[in-house]
Amino acid sequence: MLTGFDAQTYEMMVFDRWGSVVFQTRDMTEGWMGNVRSGTHYAEAGLYQWVISIKKQFGVEMSRFQGHVTMLR
């Protein structure tokens, strides 16, 4: 579990190469399993960007973490 952050403000989004959101959650325990379109399909092979936004426990500003993941099929 993450300490020093306000779990109520957590949000994770995954974007495809065109910038469209393919996955979004506010649940820290839910990870992206490669599903898109509300879980009815799986993402194509390629590069995806993830962004996590969360506020520090006693802060005002949101912290933003980002990176990339490569989907292989």
N, C-alpha and C. Protein backbone atom coordinates (compact mmCIF):
# COMPACT_ATOMS: atom_id res chain seq x y z
N MET A 1 0.83 -1.17 0.00
CA MET A 1 0.00 0.00 0.00
C MET A 1 0.88 1.24 0.00
N LEU A 2 0.40 2.27 -0.59
CA LEU A 2 1.11 3.54 -0.69
C LEU A 2 0.92 4.35 0.59
N THR A 3 2.00 4.89 1.15
CA THR A 3 1.87 5.71 2.34
C THR A 3 2.23 7.15 2.01
N GLY A 4 1.63 8.08 2.73
CA GLY A 4 1.90 9.49 2.51
C GLY A 4 1.05 10.13 1.43
N PHE A 5 0.10 9.36 0.88
CA PHE A 5 -0.78 9.85 -0.17
C PHE A 5 -2.23 9.65 0.23
N ASP A 6 -3.12 10.45 -0.32
CA ASP A 6 -4.55 10.35 -0.07
C ASP A 6 -5.17 9.40 -1.10
N ALA A 7 -5.50 8.19 -0.69
CA ALA A 7 -6.02 7.16 -1.60
C ALA A 7 -7.32 7.59 -2.27
N GLN A 8 -8.07 8.49 -1.65
CA GLN A 8 -9.34 8.94 -2.22
C GLN A 8 -9.15 9.76 -3.49
N THR A 9 -7.94 10.27 -3.71
CA THR A 9 -7.67 11.12 -4.89
C THR A 9 -6.98 10.35 -6.01
N TYR A 10 -6.71 9.07 -5.82
CA TYR A 10 -5.98 8.25 -6.80
C TYR A 10 -6.77 8.11 -8.11
N GLU A 11 -6.06 8.23 -9.22
CA GLU A 11 -6.65 7.95 -10.53
C GLU A 11 -5.54 7.44 -11.46
N MET A 12 -5.81 6.36 -12.16
CA MET A 12 -4.88 5.82 -13.15
C MET A 12 -5.59 5.78 -14.50
N MET A 13 -4.88 6.25 -15.54
CA MET A 13 -5.42 6.20 -16.90
C MET A 13 -4.36 5.61 -17.82
N VAL A 14 -4.82 4.85 -18.80
CA VAL A 14 -3.94 4.28 -19.83
C VAL A 14 -4.44 4.82 -21.16
N PHE A 15 -3.50 5.30 -21.99
CA PHE A 15 -3.82 5.90 -23.27
C PHE A 15 -3.20 5.10 -24.41
N ASP A 16 -3.89 5.04 -25.55
CA ASP A 16 -3.31 4.42 -26.74
C ASP A 16 -2.44 5.44 -27.47
N ARG A 17 -1.87 5.06 -28.60
CA ARG A 17 -0.94 5.95 -29.32
C ARG A 17 -1.61 7.18 -29.90
N TRP A 18 -2.92 7.20 -29.96
CA TRP A 18 -3.65 8.36 -30.48
C TRP A 18 -4.12 9.27 -29.34
N GLY A 19 -3.82 8.90 -28.10
CA GLY A 19 -4.19 9.72 -26.96
C GLY A 19 -5.58 9.42 -26.40
N SER A 20 -6.22 8.39 -26.90
CA SER A 20 -7.54 8.02 -26.38
C SER A 20 -7.38 7.18 -25.11
N VAL A 21 -8.23 7.44 -24.14
CA VAL A 21 -8.21 6.67 -22.89
C VAL A 21 -8.77 5.27 -23.17
N VAL A 22 -7.96 4.23 -22.89
CA VAL A 22 -8.42 2.86 -23.08
C VAL A 22 -8.75 2.18 -21.75
N PHE A 23 -8.27 2.78 -20.65
CA PHE A 23 -8.55 2.23 -19.33
C PHE A 23 -8.47 3.36 -18.31
N GLN A 24 -9.35 3.32 -17.32
CA GLN A 24 -9.34 4.33 -16.27
C GLN A 24 -9.90 3.70 -14.99
N THR A 25 -9.25 4.01 -13.86
CA THR A 25 -9.74 3.51 -12.58
C THR A 25 -9.40 4.49 -11.47
N ARG A 26 -10.20 4.46 -10.42
CA ARG A 26 -9.93 5.22 -9.19
C ARG A 26 -9.67 4.25 -8.03
N ASP A 27 -9.57 2.97 -8.33
CA ASP A 27 -9.32 1.93 -7.34
C ASP A 27 -7.84 1.56 -7.36
N MET A 28 -7.14 1.83 -6.27
CA MET A 28 -5.69 1.56 -6.21
C MET A 28 -5.36 0.08 -6.35
N THR A 29 -6.30 -0.80 -6.08
CA THR A 29 -6.03 -2.23 -6.14
C THR A 29 -6.32 -2.82 -7.52
N GLU A 30 -6.87 -2.02 -8.42
CA GLU A 30 -7.22 -2.50 -9.76
C GLU A 30 -6.13 -2.13 -10.76
N GLY A 31 -5.57 -3.12 -11.39
CA GLY A 31 -4.55 -2.89 -12.42
C GLY A 31 -5.11 -3.09 -13.81
N TRP A 32 -4.36 -2.64 -14.80
CA TRP A 32 -4.79 -2.80 -16.20
C TRP A 32 -4.33 -4.17 -16.69
N MET A 33 -5.28 -4.96 -17.14
CA MET A 33 -4.99 -6.31 -17.63
C MET A 33 -4.95 -6.37 -19.15
N GLY A 34 -4.93 -5.23 -19.81
CA GLY A 34 -4.88 -5.19 -21.26
C GLY A 34 -6.25 -5.11 -21.90
N ASN A 35 -7.28 -4.97 -21.08
CA ASN A 35 -8.64 -4.90 -21.62
C ASN A 35 -8.98 -3.47 -22.05
N VAL A 36 -9.81 -3.36 -23.06
CA VAL A 36 -10.31 -2.07 -23.55
C VAL A 36 -11.81 -2.19 -23.77
N ARG A 37 -12.46 -1.06 -24.03
CA ARG A 37 -13.90 -1.04 -24.28
C ARG A 37 -14.68 -1.72 -23.15
N SER A 38 -14.42 -1.30 -21.95
CA SER A 38 -15.10 -1.83 -20.75
C SER A 38 -14.88 -3.32 -20.55
N GLY A 39 -13.74 -3.81 -21.00
CA GLY A 39 -13.38 -5.21 -20.79
C GLY A 39 -13.86 -6.17 -21.83
N THR A 40 -14.51 -5.68 -22.90
CA THR A 40 -15.05 -6.58 -23.91
C THR A 40 -14.02 -6.99 -24.96
N HIS A 41 -12.90 -6.26 -25.04
CA HIS A 41 -11.84 -6.56 -26.01
C HIS A 41 -10.49 -6.41 -25.33
N TYR A 42 -9.45 -6.93 -25.98
CA TYR A 42 -8.10 -6.75 -25.48
C TYR A 42 -7.35 -5.80 -26.40
N ALA A 43 -6.44 -5.03 -25.81
CA ALA A 43 -5.68 -4.03 -26.56
C ALA A 43 -4.78 -4.70 -27.60
N GLU A 44 -4.58 -3.98 -28.69
CA GLU A 44 -3.66 -4.45 -29.73
C GLU A 44 -2.23 -4.32 -29.23
N ALA A 45 -1.32 -5.06 -29.86
CA ALA A 45 0.09 -4.94 -29.54
C ALA A 45 0.54 -3.52 -29.83
N GLY A 46 1.39 -2.98 -28.98
CA GLY A 46 1.88 -1.62 -29.20
C GLY A 46 2.28 -0.95 -27.90
N LEU A 47 2.57 0.33 -28.02
CA LEU A 47 3.03 1.12 -26.89
C LEU A 47 1.85 1.90 -26.30
N TYR A 48 1.72 1.86 -24.99
CA TYR A 48 0.66 2.56 -24.28
C TYR A 48 1.28 3.42 -23.19
N GLN A 49 0.68 4.58 -22.95
CA GLN A 49 1.15 5.47 -21.90
C GLN A 49 0.22 5.34 -20.69
N TRP A 50 0.80 5.30 -19.50
CA TRP A 50 0.00 5.31 -18.28
C TRP A 50 0.30 6.57 -17.49
N VAL A 51 -0.71 7.07 -16.82
CA VAL A 51 -0.58 8.26 -15.97
C VAL A 51 -1.32 7.99 -14.66
N ILE A 52 -0.64 8.21 -13.55
CA ILE A 52 -1.25 8.10 -12.23
C ILE A 52 -1.21 9.47 -11.57
N SER A 53 -2.37 9.92 -11.11
CA SER A 53 -2.48 11.18 -10.39
C SER A 53 -2.95 10.88 -8.98
N ILE A 54 -2.32 11.52 -8.00
CA ILE A 54 -2.69 11.32 -6.60
C ILE A 54 -2.18 12.51 -5.79
N LYS A 55 -2.92 12.85 -4.75
CA LYS A 55 -2.53 13.99 -3.91
C LYS A 55 -1.80 13.47 -2.68
N LYS A 56 -0.76 14.20 -2.27
CA LYS A 56 -0.07 13.86 -1.03
C LYS A 56 -1.04 14.04 0.13
N GLN A 57 -0.83 13.26 1.16
CA GLN A 57 -1.76 13.22 2.28
C GLN A 57 -2.03 14.60 2.89
N PHE A 58 -1.02 15.43 3.01
CA PHE A 58 -1.20 16.74 3.62
C PHE A 58 -0.94 17.86 2.63
N GLY A 59 -1.01 17.55 1.36
CA GLY A 59 -0.74 18.54 0.33
C GLY A 59 -2.00 19.04 -0.34
N VAL A 60 -1.80 20.00 -1.21
CA VAL A 60 -2.91 20.58 -1.96
C VAL A 60 -2.82 20.19 -3.43
N GLU A 61 -1.60 20.12 -3.94
CA GLU A 61 -1.38 19.83 -5.35
C GLU A 61 -1.36 18.33 -5.62
N MET A 62 -1.82 17.99 -6.81
CA MET A 62 -1.78 16.60 -7.26
C MET A 62 -0.36 16.25 -7.73
N SER A 63 0.09 15.05 -7.41
CA SER A 63 1.34 14.53 -7.94
C SER A 63 0.99 13.68 -9.15
N ARG A 64 1.84 13.73 -10.17
CA ARG A 64 1.57 13.00 -11.41
C ARG A 64 2.78 12.13 -11.74
N PHE A 65 2.51 10.85 -11.96
CA PHE A 65 3.53 9.89 -12.35
C PHE A 65 3.13 9.33 -13.71
N GLN A 66 4.08 9.13 -14.59
CA GLN A 66 3.73 8.61 -15.90
C GLN A 66 4.84 7.73 -16.45
N GLY A 67 4.47 6.90 -17.41
CA GLY A 67 5.42 6.00 -18.03
C GLY A 67 4.77 5.32 -19.22
N HIS A 68 5.47 4.33 -19.73
CA HIS A 68 4.98 3.58 -20.90
C HIS A 68 5.02 2.09 -20.63
N VAL A 69 4.16 1.39 -21.28
CA VAL A 69 4.15 -0.07 -21.22
C VAL A 69 3.97 -0.58 -22.64
N THR A 70 4.68 -1.64 -22.99
CA THR A 70 4.56 -2.25 -24.30
C THR A 70 3.70 -3.50 -24.21
N MET A 71 2.63 -3.53 -24.97
CA MET A 71 1.74 -4.70 -25.02
C MET A 71 2.24 -5.63 -26.10
N LEU A 72 2.50 -6.87 -25.74
CA LEU A 72 2.93 -7.90 -26.70
C LEU A 72 1.82 -8.92 -26.84
N ARG A 73 1.57 -9.33 -28.04
CA ARG A 73 0.57 -10.38 -28.29
C ARG A 73 1.22 -11.51 -29.04
